[in-house]
Amino acid sequence: MTGTDAAGPSAASAGSANTGQAGPRVGLIGSHLAPFAAACDLVGWHPAALAGGAAELVNNIAAPAIDLDVAVAAQPLDIAILATPHERRIGDAQELLARGVHVLLVPDIDLPDVAALTAPDSGPAMLALAAPLIAAPTTGQWLSRVGEASGIEHLAGRAGPPSGPAGPLRGQLLALMTLAARAAGWDQPSGVRRDGADVVLQFSSSNRTARATSTPAVESATFTVQAAGPADAIVLDALPDTQVEHNGTVVASARPDEHPAVRFGTAPLLRRFVADLRTRRPLLDGALLTRLTVTP
């Protein structure tokens, strides 16, 4: 096993005794992982390997660029931040978990074979979703207000574009709306379906829905979601403005000087994941992505 012992006092945050580095042995495996590279730098981690599209970061990080298959199957790692090609991502996650590597999986609602996604019930490896916007401070404030409101009846959001660095945003949006539904007292999603270009979460016992709209590929990055009821309209605008509005009044926003890795939740996500390794209670685990599998 190459992963750290999640139940032990030295889980990940204590770093690797074998390498002597200040943090865990992290692999950036896949494409569009620059935000995670910045977050690793901010929390004092030094990636041990870059593979796939992450090799584009090699000019900025003193880590070896290695073959994608080697990174997944053999590279000594404690944590893998995984965004390999669409068609192999679930299989790569399973292989890393099987050899004891903790996996932060970049979500995408359309990943093939996602229903087969599981994490070991025992042993050191943990699987969670790399959904950083959900860990951002403004998102937490939005969720708190949703939980405090009474009679939330509607959830709707927009995210995208569907390709490039913002590609996983729709998966994050659906995960966030699931958390918001829980905060509002709704039940767990009973199904996910397509409605034209939209994806709709269904909640059977409450007879409610949550609608996620994908922005066109030509648009700039967008991530916004609203929870509404008779007395409340609570809007999170994570991209591009990073603020929360409650009935038209801005009630929370990011500081102008805030590091992007903090503002957009990437650094808080890494810190939370390390804490979760001790408790084995991740905020977002792989089972959530499985529950959000889209049906035709």
Protein backbone atom coordinates (compact mmCIF):
# COMPACT_ATOMS: atom_id res chain seq x y z
CA MET A 1 0.00 0.00 0.00
CA THR A 2 1.25 3.47 -0.84
CA GLY A 3 -1.45 5.56 0.80
CA THR A 4 -1.35 6.96 4.31
CA ASP A 5 -3.34 5.41 7.17
CA ALA A 6 -6.50 7.50 7.28
CA ALA A 7 -7.29 6.47 10.84
CA GLY A 8 -3.86 7.26 12.22
CA PRO A 9 -2.59 10.51 13.71
CA SER A 10 -0.23 11.12 10.80
CA ALA A 11 -2.88 10.89 8.06
CA ALA A 12 -1.70 12.88 5.04
CA SER A 13 -1.21 16.22 6.82
CA ALA A 14 1.91 14.91 8.50
CA GLY A 15 3.46 14.21 5.13
CA SER A 16 5.38 11.22 3.94
CA ALA A 17 7.99 9.73 6.24
CA ASN A 18 9.56 8.09 3.22
CA THR A 19 10.18 11.32 1.34
CA GLY A 20 10.71 13.76 4.19
CA GLN A 21 8.57 16.38 2.46
CA ALA A 22 6.35 18.81 4.34
CA GLY A 23 3.06 17.43 3.09
CA PRO A 24 1.52 14.34 1.55
CA ARG A 25 2.76 12.91 -1.74
CA VAL A 26 0.20 14.44 -4.09
CA GLY A 27 -0.24 13.52 -7.73
CA LEU A 28 -1.94 15.96 -10.12
CA ILE A 29 -3.24 13.49 -12.68
CA GLY A 30 -5.16 14.76 -15.67
CA SER A 31 -6.09 18.08 -17.28
CA HIS A 32 -7.08 21.56 -16.12
CA LEU A 33 -5.65 21.15 -12.63
CA ALA A 34 -3.94 24.55 -12.35
CA PRO A 35 -6.33 25.66 -9.53
CA PHE A 36 -5.31 22.61 -7.52
CA ALA A 37 -1.64 23.29 -8.20
CA ALA A 38 -2.13 26.80 -6.81
CA ALA A 39 -3.97 25.41 -3.78
CA CYS A 40 -1.19 22.89 -3.10
CA ASP A 41 1.30 25.74 -3.13
CA LEU A 42 -0.85 27.78 -0.76
CA VAL A 43 -1.22 25.00 1.82
CA GLY A 44 2.47 24.09 1.58
CA TRP A 45 2.19 20.85 -0.33
CA HIS A 46 4.66 20.04 -3.10
CA PRO A 47 3.18 17.75 -5.79
CA ALA A 48 5.20 14.59 -6.21
CA ALA A 49 4.09 13.92 -9.77
CA LEU A 50 2.33 15.47 -12.75
CA ALA A 51 0.70 13.33 -15.41
CA GLY A 52 -1.58 13.79 -18.38
CA GLY A 53 -2.59 17.39 -19.04
CA ALA A 54 -1.17 18.36 -15.65
CA ALA A 55 2.25 18.11 -17.26
CA GLU A 56 1.46 21.57 -18.65
CA LEU A 57 2.19 22.83 -15.12
CA VAL A 58 5.72 21.47 -15.11
CA ASN A 59 7.28 24.88 -15.77
CA ASN A 60 5.82 26.14 -12.52
CA ILE A 61 6.22 23.07 -10.29
CA ALA A 62 9.39 21.18 -9.45
CA ALA A 63 7.81 17.76 -9.90
CA PRO A 64 8.46 15.05 -12.47
CA ALA A 65 6.13 14.76 -15.47
CA ILE A 66 5.38 11.06 -15.82
CA ASP A 67 3.28 8.78 -18.01
CA LEU A 68 -0.42 8.72 -17.18
CA ASP A 69 -0.58 4.95 -16.82
CA VAL A 70 2.48 4.93 -14.54
CA ALA A 71 0.95 7.63 -12.33
CA VAL A 72 -2.24 5.62 -11.87
CA ALA A 73 -0.74 2.15 -11.51
CA ALA A 74 2.63 2.57 -9.84
CA GLN A 75 3.64 6.07 -8.72
CA PRO A 76 4.09 6.24 -4.90
CA LEU A 77 1.35 8.67 -3.81
CA ASP A 78 -0.70 9.49 -0.76
CA ILE A 79 -3.36 11.57 -2.55
CA ALA A 80 -4.32 11.71 -6.22
CA ILE A 81 -6.27 14.66 -7.60
CA LEU A 82 -7.82 12.95 -10.58
CA ALA A 83 -9.11 14.48 -13.82
CA THR A 84 -8.02 11.91 -16.41
CA PRO A 85 -9.89 11.62 -19.74
CA HIS A 86 -13.62 11.26 -19.51
CA GLU A 87 -13.78 7.63 -20.60
CA ARG A 88 -11.19 6.30 -18.12
CA ARG A 89 -11.64 8.44 -15.02
CA ILE A 90 -13.77 6.01 -13.01
CA GLY A 91 -11.45 3.08 -13.80
CA ASP A 92 -8.42 5.16 -12.81
CA ALA A 93 -10.09 6.09 -9.52
CA GLN A 94 -10.81 2.45 -8.76
CA GLU A 95 -7.22 1.42 -9.51
CA LEU A 96 -5.75 4.14 -7.29
CA LEU A 97 -8.12 3.28 -4.43
CA ALA A 98 -7.30 -0.41 -4.73
CA ARG A 99 -3.63 0.29 -4.05
CA GLY A 100 -4.37 2.54 -1.06
CA VAL A 101 -4.19 6.00 -2.59
CA HIS A 102 -6.75 8.57 -1.41
CA VAL A 103 -8.58 10.02 -4.41
CA LEU A 104 -10.08 13.46 -4.96
CA LEU A 105 -12.15 12.87 -8.08
CA VAL A 106 -13.00 15.84 -10.29
CA PRO A 107 -16.75 15.39 -10.85
CA ASP A 108 -18.61 15.22 -14.13
CA ILE A 109 -22.21 14.13 -14.25
CA ASP A 110 -21.71 12.28 -17.54
CA LEU A 111 -18.76 10.06 -16.57
CA PRO A 112 -19.13 6.58 -18.10
CA ASP A 113 -19.43 3.70 -15.62
CA VAL A 114 -20.03 6.08 -12.71
CA ALA A 115 -22.57 3.65 -11.24
CA ALA A 116 -19.67 1.27 -10.57
CA LEU A 117 -17.87 3.87 -8.47
CA THR A 118 -17.11 2.61 -4.98
CA ALA A 119 -14.57 3.21 -2.26
CA PRO A 120 -13.18 0.44 -0.06
CA ASP A 121 -15.24 -0.16 3.08
CA SER A 122 -12.05 -0.85 5.00
CA GLY A 123 -8.41 -0.03 4.55
CA PRO A 124 -6.68 3.30 4.19
CA ALA A 125 -8.09 4.70 0.93
CA MET A 126 -10.82 7.35 0.85
CA LEU A 127 -12.72 8.71 -2.13
CA ALA A 128 -14.22 12.20 -2.23
CA LEU A 129 -15.30 14.66 -4.90
CA ALA A 130 -12.96 17.47 -5.88
CA ALA A 131 -15.75 20.04 -5.83
CA PRO A 132 -13.91 23.11 -4.55
CA LEU A 133 -16.62 25.71 -5.10
CA ILE A 134 -18.71 23.85 -2.53
CA ALA A 135 -15.92 24.39 0.03
CA ALA A 136 -15.64 28.14 -0.71
CA PRO A 137 -16.52 30.46 2.21
CA THR A 138 -19.32 32.22 0.31
CA THR A 139 -20.91 28.87 -0.58
CA GLY A 140 -20.96 27.94 3.10
CA GLN A 141 -22.70 31.22 3.92
CA TRP A 142 -25.27 30.59 1.17
CA LEU A 143 -26.00 27.10 2.48
CA SER A 144 -26.40 28.47 6.01
CA ARG A 145 -28.99 30.98 4.85
CA VAL A 146 -30.84 28.31 2.90
CA GLY A 147 -30.98 26.21 6.07
CA GLU A 148 -32.27 29.14 8.12
CA ALA A 149 -34.99 30.10 5.61
CA SER A 150 -38.47 28.61 5.82
CA GLY A 151 -40.45 27.20 2.93
CA ILE A 152 -37.76 26.90 0.24
CA GLU A 153 -39.66 25.59 -2.80
CA HIS A 154 -37.32 26.02 -5.77
CA LEU A 155 -33.67 25.37 -6.54
CA ALA A 156 -32.19 26.37 -9.89
CA GLY A 157 -28.71 27.14 -11.16
CA ARG A 158 -26.50 27.74 -14.16
CA ALA A 159 -22.98 26.41 -14.64
CA GLY A 160 -20.45 26.01 -17.42
CA PRO A 161 -19.18 26.16 -20.02
CA PRO A 162 -19.15 22.38 -20.53
CA SER A 163 -15.57 22.17 -21.85
CA GLY A 164 -12.17 23.47 -20.79
CA PRO A 165 -11.13 24.27 -17.20
CA ALA A 166 -14.75 24.96 -16.21
CA GLY A 167 -15.99 21.63 -17.55
CA PRO A 168 -16.73 20.00 -14.14
CA LEU A 169 -18.88 22.92 -12.98
CA ARG A 170 -22.22 21.30 -13.75
CA GLY A 171 -21.29 18.29 -11.63
CA GLN A 172 -20.42 20.63 -8.77
CA LEU A 173 -23.69 22.50 -9.24
CA LEU A 174 -25.78 19.33 -8.96
CA ALA A 175 -23.85 18.27 -5.87
CA LEU A 176 -24.39 21.70 -4.30
CA MET A 177 -28.12 21.62 -5.01
CA THR A 178 -28.30 18.23 -3.30
CA LEU A 179 -26.71 19.75 -0.19
CA ALA A 180 -29.07 22.74 -0.42
CA ALA A 181 -32.07 20.43 -0.66
CA ARG A 182 -30.90 18.68 2.50
CA ALA A 183 -30.42 22.03 4.25
CA ALA A 184 -33.94 23.08 3.20
CA GLY A 185 -35.43 19.88 4.65
CA TRP A 186 -36.11 18.11 1.36
CA ASP A 187 -35.48 14.40 0.93
CA GLN A 188 -32.61 12.81 -0.97
CA PRO A 189 -32.81 12.90 -4.79
CA SER A 190 -34.90 10.05 -6.17
CA GLY A 191 -33.72 10.45 -9.76
CA VAL A 192 -31.93 12.59 -12.29
CA ARG A 193 -33.22 13.20 -15.80
CA ARG A 194 -32.55 15.37 -18.81
CA ASP A 195 -34.96 18.04 -19.97
CA GLY A 196 -33.52 19.40 -23.20
CA ALA A 197 -30.21 21.04 -22.31
CA ASP A 198 -31.04 21.02 -18.60
CA VAL A 199 -30.47 18.37 -15.94
CA VAL A 200 -33.24 18.00 -13.37
CA LEU A 201 -32.98 16.47 -9.89
CA GLN A 202 -36.22 14.90 -8.69
CA PHE A 203 -37.26 14.59 -5.03
CA SER A 204 -40.14 12.11 -4.79
CA SER A 205 -41.55 12.53 -1.29
CA SER A 206 -41.45 16.34 -1.44
CA ASN A 207 -42.61 16.48 -5.09
CA ARG A 208 -39.96 19.09 -5.85
CA THR A 209 -37.28 19.47 -8.51
CA ALA A 210 -33.96 21.27 -8.85
CA ARG A 211 -32.92 22.39 -12.33
CA ALA A 212 -29.33 22.82 -13.54
CA THR A 213 -28.74 24.66 -16.81
CA SER A 214 -25.49 24.30 -18.73
CA THR A 215 -24.15 27.50 -20.23
CA PRO A 216 -23.01 27.39 -23.87
CA ALA A 217 -19.38 26.66 -24.61
CA VAL A 218 -18.90 30.18 -25.98
CA GLU A 219 -19.82 31.81 -22.66
CA SER A 220 -17.35 32.64 -19.92
CA ALA A 221 -17.31 30.57 -16.73
CA THR A 222 -20.56 30.79 -14.77
CA PHE A 223 -21.62 29.23 -11.46
CA THR A 224 -24.76 30.62 -9.87
CA VAL A 225 -27.60 29.01 -7.93
CA GLN A 226 -30.80 30.29 -6.31
CA ALA A 227 -32.97 28.91 -3.52
CA ALA A 228 -36.40 30.54 -3.41
CA GLY A 229 -39.63 30.43 -1.44
CA PRO A 230 -42.53 32.75 -0.63
CA ALA A 231 -40.39 35.01 1.57
CA ASP A 232 -36.84 34.38 0.40
CA ALA A 233 -34.69 34.51 -2.71
CA ILE A 234 -31.12 33.50 -1.80
CA VAL A 235 -28.63 33.65 -4.65
CA LEU A 236 -25.04 32.43 -4.74
CA ASP A 237 -22.96 33.89 -7.55
CA ALA A 238 -19.67 32.02 -7.24
CA LEU A 239 -18.53 32.91 -10.75
CA PRO A 240 -17.85 35.55 -11.79
CA ASP A 241 -18.69 37.77 -8.78
CA THR A 242 -18.33 35.49 -5.71
CA GLN A 243 -21.10 36.87 -3.55
CA VAL A 244 -24.39 35.99 -1.84
CA GLU A 245 -27.58 38.01 -2.24
CA HIS A 246 -30.60 37.64 0.01
CA ASN A 247 -33.75 39.29 -1.34
CA GLY A 248 -31.67 41.57 -3.54
CA THR A 249 -29.16 42.65 -0.88
CA VAL A 250 -25.52 41.51 -0.97
CA VAL A 251 -24.95 39.82 2.39
CA ALA A 252 -21.57 38.16 1.77
CA SER A 253 -18.74 38.55 -0.72
CA ALA A 254 -15.10 37.63 -1.22
CA ARG A 255 -12.46 40.13 -0.20
CA PRO A 256 -10.77 41.82 -3.19
CA ASP A 257 -7.32 40.70 -1.97
CA GLU A 258 -8.31 37.10 -1.28
CA HIS A 259 -6.11 34.44 -2.89
CA PRO A 260 -8.05 32.74 -5.73
CA ALA A 261 -7.39 29.31 -4.18
CA VAL A 262 -9.25 30.50 -1.07
CA ARG A 263 -11.91 32.54 -2.88
CA PHE A 264 -12.93 29.64 -5.08
CA GLY A 265 -12.62 26.98 -2.39
CA THR A 266 -9.70 24.95 -3.73
CA ALA A 267 -7.42 25.40 -0.71
CA PRO A 268 -10.26 24.89 1.82
CA LEU A 269 -11.18 21.70 -0.03
CA LEU A 270 -7.67 20.28 0.36
CA ARG A 271 -7.56 21.18 4.05
CA ARG A 272 -11.00 19.70 4.66
CA PHE A 273 -10.09 16.50 2.83
CA VAL A 274 -7.05 15.98 5.06
CA ALA A 275 -9.23 16.50 8.14
CA ASP A 276 -11.77 14.05 6.72
CA LEU A 277 -9.07 11.41 6.37
CA ARG A 278 -8.97 11.23 10.17
CA THR A 279 -12.73 11.03 10.64
CA ARG A 280 -13.61 9.14 7.41
CA ARG A 281 -16.57 11.48 6.93
CA PRO A 282 -16.03 13.43 3.70
CA LEU A 283 -18.39 16.28 2.88
CA LEU A 284 -18.85 14.90 -0.62
CA ASP A 285 -18.04 11.29 -1.31
CA GLY A 286 -18.13 9.24 -4.46
CA ALA A 287 -21.55 7.83 -3.59
CA LEU A 288 -23.05 11.26 -4.23
CA LEU A 289 -21.82 11.27 -7.81
CA THR A 290 -23.26 7.80 -8.26
CA ARG A 291 -26.65 8.97 -6.98
CA LEU A 292 -26.54 11.79 -9.54
CA THR A 293 -26.13 9.50 -12.53
CA VAL A 294 -28.16 10.99 -15.37
CA THR A 295 -30.91 8.86 -16.90
CA PRO A 296 -32.11 9.47 -20.51
